[in-house]
Amino acid sequence: MSYVPAADPAAWEENKGAAFDAAGRFAAENEIKWSRDLAVEIPRQFEEQPPWNEVLGPVRSRGGPNGLVLRGGQIVAEWGNTRQIDQTFSVAKSYLSILAGLAVDRGLIRDVHEPVARTPGINWGDDGGFEGPHNGKITWHHLLQQTSEWEGTLWDKPDLVDRNRRVRGSGMTGGAKKGTHRDLAEPGGFWEYNDIRINRLSLALLRVWRRPLPEVFRELVMDPIGASRDWEWRGYRNSIALVDGREIESVAGGSHWGGGVFIHARDQARVGLLMQRGGMWGDKRILSREWIDRSRQPCPLFASYGYLWWLNTERRYPSASAGSYYAMGAGGNLTWVDPDHDLVAVLRWTDPAAADRFMGLVMAAIG
C-alpha cells in the first residue's frame, strides 16, 4: 500500500484512516457462517452427541459482525454495533487467567506450582475435585496451561467429553474421536483443550476468592478501567457451589454449553488495552506486569499457548507480529493484543479464516 509522503502529514493521516477503515470493512464483510440463533448453533458446534451436547446455561441470539481497532489507546477503526452484547465463548478463559493473576498478586494463591489441594485456607473436600493420587498432583500452573489432565465429572459433564479434542496447531489433528477414551498422562504431561477442566479451574478460583467471580472481576478490573455495567458472566442452571454456607453460581469459562461472558466489543477492547499497557490503567496498577509476562510464556507442550491466552510465537497468524497474543473464542470472537505496535483489536463474528487477512490489513495501515 502506498502512502502520501510525510511532508503532507494531514493527507497522510487521512490515507492511514482509510486503510484502517478498509480493514474494518473486510472484517464486516466476512461474517462467520453460523446461525444467529445460538440456541440452535451451540449444540451442533462441538461434535457431541446427546446428552453431552445439552445446553445448561443461558443462550441468546447474536448480533452481526462488529469490532474496533485501537492504536495508542484511540479508536482508529470501528464497524457494526460495538455495543451489541453477545456471548464471547472462550474469550472468557483469558478473563479467568486475569482472575488467577489477581489472586496471585494478593497472595491468595501463594505458588502456581503448588498442588491446588495444598492452597491454604480452603477445604477442597467440599467438592472432592483435587483428591487422590492423580488429581491431587494438579497445580494451578497445570490448570492455566491446560495440561492438568484432571479427571472427573463437573456439572453433569465428564472430562471425557473433551478428550481427544482437535485444535488447529496443537498436534491433535487426527486419531481417536473426540469424546472417546484416552489414557491420561501425569498432570503436566499432555496439552489438551478441555472445557470441563476450565470449568474446574473456575470453581477452584471461586473457592479461593470466596465470592462470585463476576463480582470480583467487576470490582478489581471492569470498574477501574471504565467498562460499562452492561456485561454479565454466567454459569449453568446446576453450577451452584456452597461457599461459607452461601450458594454461589460458579461461572463457565466459555459458552460451550451456554452461559459464559455476555459483553460488547467496546468493553472487550478495554480489557485488551489493560493487557497491552502491562496491567496499568492511567497511573493505577490493576494487574502485575509479572503476571502478564507469565501469561505469555509458551507452554513447553504447545508453544502457541500460555496461561489461557493464545500466543503468536509460532506465527499462527503470519501477518501479525510474533509478540502478539489473543483471547480467542468460537464463532470468530477474538481480542488481539500487540504490545510491540501499541495495538488492540476486537473481532466479533468474523470468520476465523479471514482473521489473518484482517491482521495484514491492519499492519499495512500502521505502515
Protein backbone atom coordinates (compact mmCIF):
# COMPACT_ATOMS: atom_id res chain seq x y z
CA MET A 1 0.00 0.00 0.00
CA SER A 2 1.38 3.38 -0.95
CA TYR A 3 1.29 6.31 1.42
CA VAL A 4 1.25 10.07 0.97
CA PRO A 5 4.71 11.48 1.76
CA ALA A 6 5.20 12.61 5.35
CA ALA A 7 5.74 16.17 4.03
CA ASP A 8 1.92 16.39 3.93
CA PRO A 9 1.01 14.95 7.36
CA ALA A 10 -2.69 15.84 7.18
CA ALA A 11 -3.11 13.96 3.90
CA TRP A 12 -1.04 11.08 5.29
CA GLU A 13 -3.34 10.79 8.32
CA GLU A 14 -6.39 10.78 6.04
CA ASN A 15 -4.89 7.99 3.94
CA LYS A 16 -3.99 5.99 7.04
CA GLY A 17 -7.55 6.32 8.35
CA ALA A 18 -8.89 4.99 5.06
CA ALA A 19 -6.55 1.99 5.38
CA PHE A 20 -7.83 1.17 8.86
CA ASP A 21 -11.39 1.55 7.58
CA ALA A 22 -10.61 -0.96 4.84
CA ALA A 23 -9.59 -3.50 7.48
CA GLY A 24 -12.87 -2.91 9.29
CA ARG A 25 -14.92 -3.32 6.10
CA PHE A 26 -13.13 -6.57 5.38
CA ALA A 27 -13.98 -7.92 8.85
CA ALA A 28 -17.61 -6.86 8.48
CA GLU A 29 -17.91 -8.49 5.06
CA ASN A 30 -16.58 -11.85 6.30
CA GLU A 31 -19.19 -12.92 8.81
CA ILE A 32 -18.85 -16.43 10.20
CA LYS A 33 -21.31 -18.87 8.72
CA TRP A 34 -23.10 -19.53 12.00
CA SER A 35 -26.81 -19.17 12.56
CA ARG A 36 -27.62 -16.09 14.60
CA ASP A 37 -29.83 -18.34 16.71
CA LEU A 38 -27.18 -19.65 19.10
CA ALA A 39 -29.66 -21.95 20.81
CA VAL A 40 -29.63 -23.88 17.53
CA GLU A 41 -25.94 -23.38 16.77
CA ILE A 42 -24.26 -24.25 20.06
CA PRO A 43 -25.42 -27.89 20.35
CA ARG A 44 -24.07 -28.68 16.88
CA GLN A 45 -20.74 -26.88 17.02
CA PHE A 46 -18.71 -29.14 19.30
CA GLU A 47 -19.08 -32.63 17.76
CA GLU A 48 -21.03 -34.04 20.66
CA GLN A 49 -23.92 -36.49 20.82
CA PRO A 50 -26.83 -36.26 23.26
CA PRO A 51 -26.86 -35.97 26.20
CA TRP A 52 -23.36 -34.44 26.24
CA ASN A 53 -24.37 -31.60 23.92
CA GLU A 54 -27.16 -30.49 26.27
CA VAL A 55 -27.10 -26.73 26.85
CA LEU A 56 -27.10 -25.96 30.58
CA GLY A 57 -26.68 -22.20 30.69
CA PRO A 58 -28.42 -19.16 29.22
CA VAL A 59 -28.14 -18.54 25.47
CA ARG A 60 -29.17 -15.50 23.44
CA SER A 61 -29.32 -14.88 19.72
CA ARG A 62 -26.26 -13.00 18.49
CA GLY A 63 -25.86 -9.82 16.51
CA GLY A 64 -23.91 -9.20 13.34
CA PRO A 65 -20.17 -8.80 12.87
CA ASN A 66 -18.68 -5.83 14.66
CA GLY A 67 -15.42 -4.71 16.16
CA LEU A 68 -12.83 -2.00 16.51
CA VAL A 69 -9.12 -1.27 16.32
CA LEU A 70 -7.23 0.79 18.90
CA ARG A 71 -3.86 2.37 18.23
CA GLY A 72 -2.24 4.32 21.01
CA GLY A 73 -5.38 3.74 23.05
CA GLN A 74 -7.52 5.57 20.48
CA ILE A 75 -10.17 4.07 18.19
CA VAL A 76 -8.86 4.20 14.63
CA ALA A 77 -11.49 1.91 13.07
CA GLU A 78 -14.94 0.71 14.12
CA TRP A 79 -17.61 -1.30 12.34
CA GLY A 80 -21.00 -2.73 13.18
CA ASN A 81 -22.73 -2.29 16.52
CA THR A 82 -19.90 -2.40 19.03
CA ARG A 83 -22.38 -2.08 21.89
CA GLN A 84 -24.13 -5.31 20.93
CA ILE A 85 -23.95 -7.62 23.96
CA ASP A 86 -23.22 -11.19 22.88
CA GLN A 87 -21.71 -14.36 24.27
CA THR A 88 -17.99 -14.44 23.68
CA PHE A 89 -17.22 -18.15 24.13
CA SER A 90 -13.62 -18.99 25.15
CA VAL A 91 -12.52 -15.37 25.41
CA ALA A 92 -13.79 -15.95 28.96
CA LYS A 93 -10.82 -18.27 29.57
CA SER A 94 -8.46 -15.31 29.34
CA TYR A 95 -10.59 -13.47 31.91
CA LEU A 96 -10.17 -16.44 34.26
CA SER A 97 -6.43 -16.06 33.75
CA ILE A 98 -6.70 -12.44 34.89
CA LEU A 99 -8.64 -13.53 37.99
CA ALA A 100 -5.95 -16.11 38.76
CA GLY A 101 -3.30 -13.41 38.40
CA LEU A 102 -5.16 -11.12 40.77
CA ALA A 103 -5.29 -13.97 43.30
CA VAL A 104 -1.53 -14.50 42.96
CA ASP A 105 -0.89 -10.76 43.27
CA ARG A 106 -2.82 -10.74 46.56
CA GLY A 107 -1.23 -13.88 47.95
CA LEU A 108 -4.44 -15.92 47.82
CA ILE A 109 -2.54 -18.34 45.61
CA ARG A 110 0.96 -18.43 47.02
CA ASP A 111 2.67 -20.54 44.34
CA VAL A 112 1.23 -21.57 40.95
CA HIS A 113 3.46 -24.65 41.01
CA GLU A 114 2.00 -25.85 44.29
CA PRO A 115 -0.72 -28.53 44.08
CA VAL A 116 -4.15 -26.92 44.15
CA ALA A 117 -5.07 -29.23 47.04
CA ARG A 118 -2.44 -27.51 49.21
CA THR A 119 -3.73 -23.98 48.70
CA PRO A 120 -4.14 -22.71 52.26
CA GLY A 121 -7.46 -21.79 53.80
CA ILE A 122 -9.64 -23.91 51.53
CA ASN A 123 -11.47 -27.14 52.29
CA TRP A 124 -11.23 -28.91 48.94
CA GLY A 125 -13.19 -31.74 50.45
CA ASP A 126 -16.27 -29.63 49.77
CA ASP A 127 -16.24 -30.92 46.20
CA GLY A 128 -13.55 -33.61 46.09
CA GLY A 129 -12.02 -32.13 42.97
CA PHE A 130 -8.36 -32.47 43.88
CA GLU A 131 -8.17 -35.64 45.91
CA GLY A 132 -6.40 -38.90 45.13
CA PRO A 133 -3.07 -39.90 43.57
CA HIS A 134 -3.85 -38.32 40.17
CA ASN A 135 -5.91 -35.16 40.74
CA GLY A 136 -4.01 -34.46 43.93
CA LYS A 137 -0.87 -33.69 41.89
CA ILE A 138 -2.53 -30.99 39.78
CA THR A 139 -1.14 -27.48 40.19
CA TRP A 140 -2.57 -24.09 39.26
CA HIS A 141 0.11 -23.95 36.57
CA HIS A 142 -1.27 -27.14 35.01
CA LEU A 143 -4.83 -25.82 35.01
CA LEU A 144 -3.80 -22.49 33.48
CA GLN A 145 -1.78 -24.13 30.70
CA GLN A 146 -4.45 -26.79 30.02
CA THR A 147 -2.07 -29.62 30.90
CA SER A 148 -3.81 -30.73 34.12
CA GLU A 149 -5.32 -33.99 32.83
CA TRP A 150 -7.94 -33.52 35.57
CA GLU A 151 -10.29 -36.50 35.69
CA GLY A 152 -13.87 -36.35 36.88
CA THR A 153 -17.36 -35.04 36.27
CA LEU A 154 -18.44 -31.46 36.91
CA TRP A 155 -21.93 -30.03 36.45
CA ASP A 156 -23.04 -33.35 34.87
CA LYS A 157 -20.31 -33.18 32.21
CA PRO A 158 -17.41 -35.70 32.40
CA ASP A 159 -13.94 -34.62 31.31
CA LEU A 160 -14.23 -37.40 28.71
CA VAL A 161 -16.50 -35.07 26.67
CA ASP A 162 -13.47 -33.07 25.51
CA ARG A 163 -10.79 -35.76 25.45
CA ASN A 164 -9.16 -36.07 22.03
CA ARG A 165 -10.47 -32.65 21.06
CA ARG A 166 -8.71 -31.37 17.96
CA VAL A 167 -7.39 -27.82 17.93
CA ARG A 168 -5.53 -26.38 14.96
CA GLY A 169 -1.79 -26.30 15.52
CA SER A 170 -1.80 -28.40 18.69
CA GLY A 171 -0.89 -31.73 17.14
CA MET A 172 -4.33 -33.12 17.98
CA THR A 173 -5.35 -33.31 14.34
CA GLY A 174 -6.42 -36.92 13.93
CA GLY A 175 -6.62 -40.28 15.61
CA ALA A 176 -9.27 -41.03 18.20
CA LYS A 177 -12.69 -39.45 18.02
CA LYS A 178 -13.49 -36.59 20.38
CA GLY A 179 -15.25 -37.87 23.49
CA THR A 180 -13.64 -41.29 23.42
CA HIS A 181 -11.24 -42.79 25.92
CA ARG A 182 -7.60 -41.74 26.04
CA ASP A 183 -5.27 -42.94 28.75
CA LEU A 184 -4.40 -39.94 30.87
CA ALA A 185 -0.85 -38.71 31.24
CA GLU A 186 0.57 -37.46 34.50
CA PRO A 187 -0.56 -33.91 35.35
CA GLY A 188 1.60 -31.58 33.29
CA GLY A 189 2.38 -34.26 30.73
CA PHE A 190 -0.18 -33.61 27.99
CA TRP A 191 -1.80 -30.49 26.49
CA GLU A 192 -5.50 -30.72 25.74
CA TYR A 193 -8.14 -28.06 25.18
CA ASN A 194 -10.80 -29.26 27.60
CA ASP A 195 -13.72 -27.13 28.75
CA ILE A 196 -14.63 -29.37 31.68
CA ARG A 197 -11.21 -28.71 33.15
CA ILE A 198 -11.61 -24.99 32.54
CA ASN A 199 -14.87 -25.05 34.48
CA ARG A 200 -12.98 -26.95 37.18
CA LEU A 201 -10.49 -24.05 37.32
CA SER A 202 -13.36 -21.57 37.56
CA LEU A 203 -14.81 -23.43 40.55
CA ALA A 204 -11.36 -23.58 42.16
CA LEU A 205 -10.98 -19.82 41.76
CA LEU A 206 -14.43 -19.31 43.28
CA ARG A 207 -13.26 -21.23 46.36
CA VAL A 208 -10.11 -19.07 46.51
CA TRP A 209 -11.97 -15.77 46.25
CA ARG A 210 -14.94 -16.98 48.34
CA ARG A 211 -17.34 -14.76 46.44
CA PRO A 212 -18.84 -14.64 42.94
CA LEU A 213 -16.14 -14.26 40.28
CA PRO A 214 -18.17 -11.69 38.29
CA GLU A 215 -18.30 -9.56 41.44
CA VAL A 216 -14.51 -9.79 41.81
CA PHE A 217 -13.93 -9.08 38.11
CA ARG A 218 -16.22 -6.05 38.20
CA GLU A 219 -14.66 -4.60 41.35
CA LEU A 220 -10.99 -5.18 40.53
CA VAL A 221 -10.95 -4.91 36.73
CA MET A 222 -14.01 -3.67 34.90
CA ASP A 223 -14.96 -0.71 37.09
CA PRO A 224 -11.38 0.60 37.40
CA ILE A 225 -10.89 0.50 33.60
CA GLY A 226 -14.16 2.34 32.96
CA ALA A 227 -16.08 -0.56 31.43
CA SER A 228 -19.85 -0.41 31.20
CA ARG A 229 -22.23 -2.11 33.59
CA ASP A 230 -23.84 -3.94 30.66
CA TRP A 231 -21.78 -7.15 30.73
CA GLU A 232 -22.51 -10.27 32.75
CA TRP A 233 -20.85 -13.62 33.40
CA ARG A 234 -23.00 -16.70 33.88
CA GLY A 235 -22.74 -20.37 34.70
CA TYR A 236 -25.27 -23.17 34.35
CA ARG A 237 -28.59 -23.99 35.96
CA ASN A 238 -26.78 -26.65 38.02
CA SER A 239 -23.40 -24.94 38.65
CA ILE A 240 -24.13 -23.95 42.23
CA ALA A 241 -21.40 -24.25 44.83
CA LEU A 242 -21.73 -23.89 48.59
CA VAL A 243 -19.10 -21.42 49.83
CA ASP A 244 -19.06 -20.49 53.52
CA GLY A 245 -22.67 -21.62 53.77
CA ARG A 246 -23.73 -19.46 50.82
CA GLU A 247 -24.93 -20.80 47.46
CA ILE A 248 -22.97 -19.14 44.61
CA GLU A 249 -23.17 -19.73 40.86
CA SER A 250 -19.85 -20.98 39.50
CA VAL A 251 -19.38 -19.31 36.13
CA ALA A 252 -18.46 -21.04 32.90
CA GLY A 253 -15.10 -20.49 31.22
CA GLY A 254 -16.84 -20.22 27.86
CA SER A 255 -20.19 -20.76 26.15
CA HIS A 256 -19.70 -24.40 25.10
CA TRP A 257 -22.88 -25.38 26.96
CA GLY A 258 -24.34 -21.89 27.26
CA GLY A 259 -23.52 -19.25 29.82
CA GLY A 260 -20.12 -17.59 29.86
CA VAL A 261 -19.43 -13.90 29.35
CA PHE A 262 -22.05 -11.69 27.69
CA ILE A 263 -20.27 -8.48 26.68
CA HIS A 264 -19.84 -5.92 23.93
CA ALA A 265 -16.77 -5.16 21.84
CA ARG A 266 -16.00 -1.83 23.49
CA ASP A 267 -15.68 -3.41 26.93
CA GLN A 268 -13.56 -6.21 25.47
CA ALA A 269 -11.27 -3.61 23.94
CA ARG A 270 -10.75 -2.06 27.37
CA VAL A 271 -9.64 -5.43 28.76
CA GLY A 272 -7.28 -5.83 25.80
CA LEU A 273 -5.90 -2.34 26.40
CA LEU A 274 -5.26 -3.15 30.05
CA MET A 275 -3.16 -6.12 28.94
CA GLN A 276 -1.40 -4.14 26.22
CA ARG A 277 -0.48 -1.50 28.80
CA GLY A 278 1.13 -4.09 31.04
CA GLY A 279 -1.61 -4.14 33.66
CA MET A 280 -1.75 -0.35 34.15
CA TRP A 281 -4.74 1.93 33.70
CA GLY A 282 -3.57 5.50 33.80
CA ASP A 283 -1.42 5.68 36.92
CA LYS A 284 -3.22 2.79 38.64
CA ARG A 285 -1.80 -0.72 38.77
CA ILE A 286 -4.61 -3.25 38.12
CA LEU A 287 -2.66 -6.43 37.35
CA SER A 288 1.01 -7.10 37.88
CA ARG A 289 3.41 -6.97 34.96
CA GLU A 290 4.87 -10.21 36.28
CA TRP A 291 1.55 -12.00 35.79
CA ILE A 292 1.14 -10.72 32.25
CA ASP A 293 4.67 -11.83 31.41
CA ARG A 294 3.96 -15.24 32.92
CA SER A 295 0.72 -15.50 30.94
CA ARG A 296 2.70 -15.03 27.74
CA GLN A 297 5.24 -17.76 28.45
CA PRO A 298 4.75 -20.58 25.90
CA CYS A 299 3.68 -23.94 27.21
CA PRO A 300 6.52 -26.43 26.54
CA LEU A 301 3.99 -28.91 25.17
CA PHE A 302 2.27 -26.39 22.88
CA ALA A 303 4.16 -23.16 22.20
CA SER A 304 1.07 -21.35 20.89
CA TYR A 305 -0.49 -21.30 24.35
CA GLY A 306 0.29 -19.52 27.59
CA TYR A 307 -1.89 -19.08 30.67
CA LEU A 308 -5.24 -19.25 28.85
CA TRP A 309 -4.02 -16.77 26.24
CA TRP A 310 -3.18 -17.83 22.69
CA LEU A 311 0.29 -16.79 21.55
CA ASN A 312 1.61 -15.97 18.09
CA THR A 313 5.00 -17.47 18.98
CA GLU A 314 4.80 -19.93 16.08
CA ARG A 315 3.05 -17.42 13.79
CA ARG A 316 -0.40 -18.95 13.87
CA TYR A 317 -1.25 -15.64 12.19
CA PRO A 318 1.65 -14.91 9.81
CA SER A 319 0.54 -11.32 9.21
CA ALA A 320 0.76 -10.37 12.89
CA SER A 321 3.90 -9.93 14.95
CA ALA A 322 5.34 -12.85 16.90
CA GLY A 323 4.76 -10.83 20.08
CA SER A 324 1.01 -10.71 19.52
CA TYR A 325 -1.31 -12.66 21.77
CA TYR A 326 -5.04 -13.32 21.81
CA ALA A 327 -8.16 -14.01 23.81
CA MET A 328 -9.96 -16.29 21.38
CA GLY A 329 -13.39 -17.88 21.32
CA ALA A 330 -15.55 -19.90 18.95
CA GLY A 331 -17.72 -18.06 16.48
CA GLY A 332 -14.99 -15.70 15.33
CA ASN A 333 -14.60 -13.89 18.67
CA LEU A 334 -11.08 -12.51 19.06
CA THR A 335 -9.23 -9.89 21.08
CA TRP A 336 -5.83 -9.24 19.52
CA VAL A 337 -3.16 -7.59 21.68
CA ASP A 338 0.09 -6.42 20.09
CA PRO A 339 2.29 -4.55 22.59
CA ASP A 340 5.06 -4.04 20.02
CA HIS A 341 2.78 -1.88 17.86
CA ASP A 342 0.63 -0.28 20.60
CA LEU A 343 -2.33 -2.11 19.11
CA VAL A 344 -5.55 -3.76 20.27
CA ALA A 345 -8.31 -5.08 18.03
CA VAL A 346 -11.58 -6.85 18.73
CA LEU A 347 -13.37 -9.06 16.22
CA ARG A 348 -16.92 -10.30 16.80
CA TRP A 349 -18.44 -12.93 14.49
CA THR A 350 -15.78 -12.62 11.77
CA ASP A 351 -14.90 -15.90 10.05
CA PRO A 352 -11.65 -17.16 11.64
CA ALA A 353 -10.37 -17.97 8.14
CA ALA A 354 -10.39 -14.21 7.46
CA ALA A 355 -8.56 -13.21 10.65
CA ASP A 356 -5.02 -13.30 9.25
CA ARG A 357 -6.01 -11.18 6.23
CA PHE A 358 -7.64 -8.69 8.60
CA MET A 359 -4.43 -8.52 10.62
CA GLY A 360 -2.45 -7.99 7.46
CA LEU A 361 -4.65 -5.02 6.51
CA VAL A 362 -4.23 -3.53 9.98
CA MET A 363 -0.45 -3.93 9.86
CA ALA A 364 -0.40 -2.33 6.40
CA ALA A 365 -2.38 0.60 7.78
CA ILE A 366 0.20 1.05 10.53
CA GLY A 367 2.88 1.19 7.86
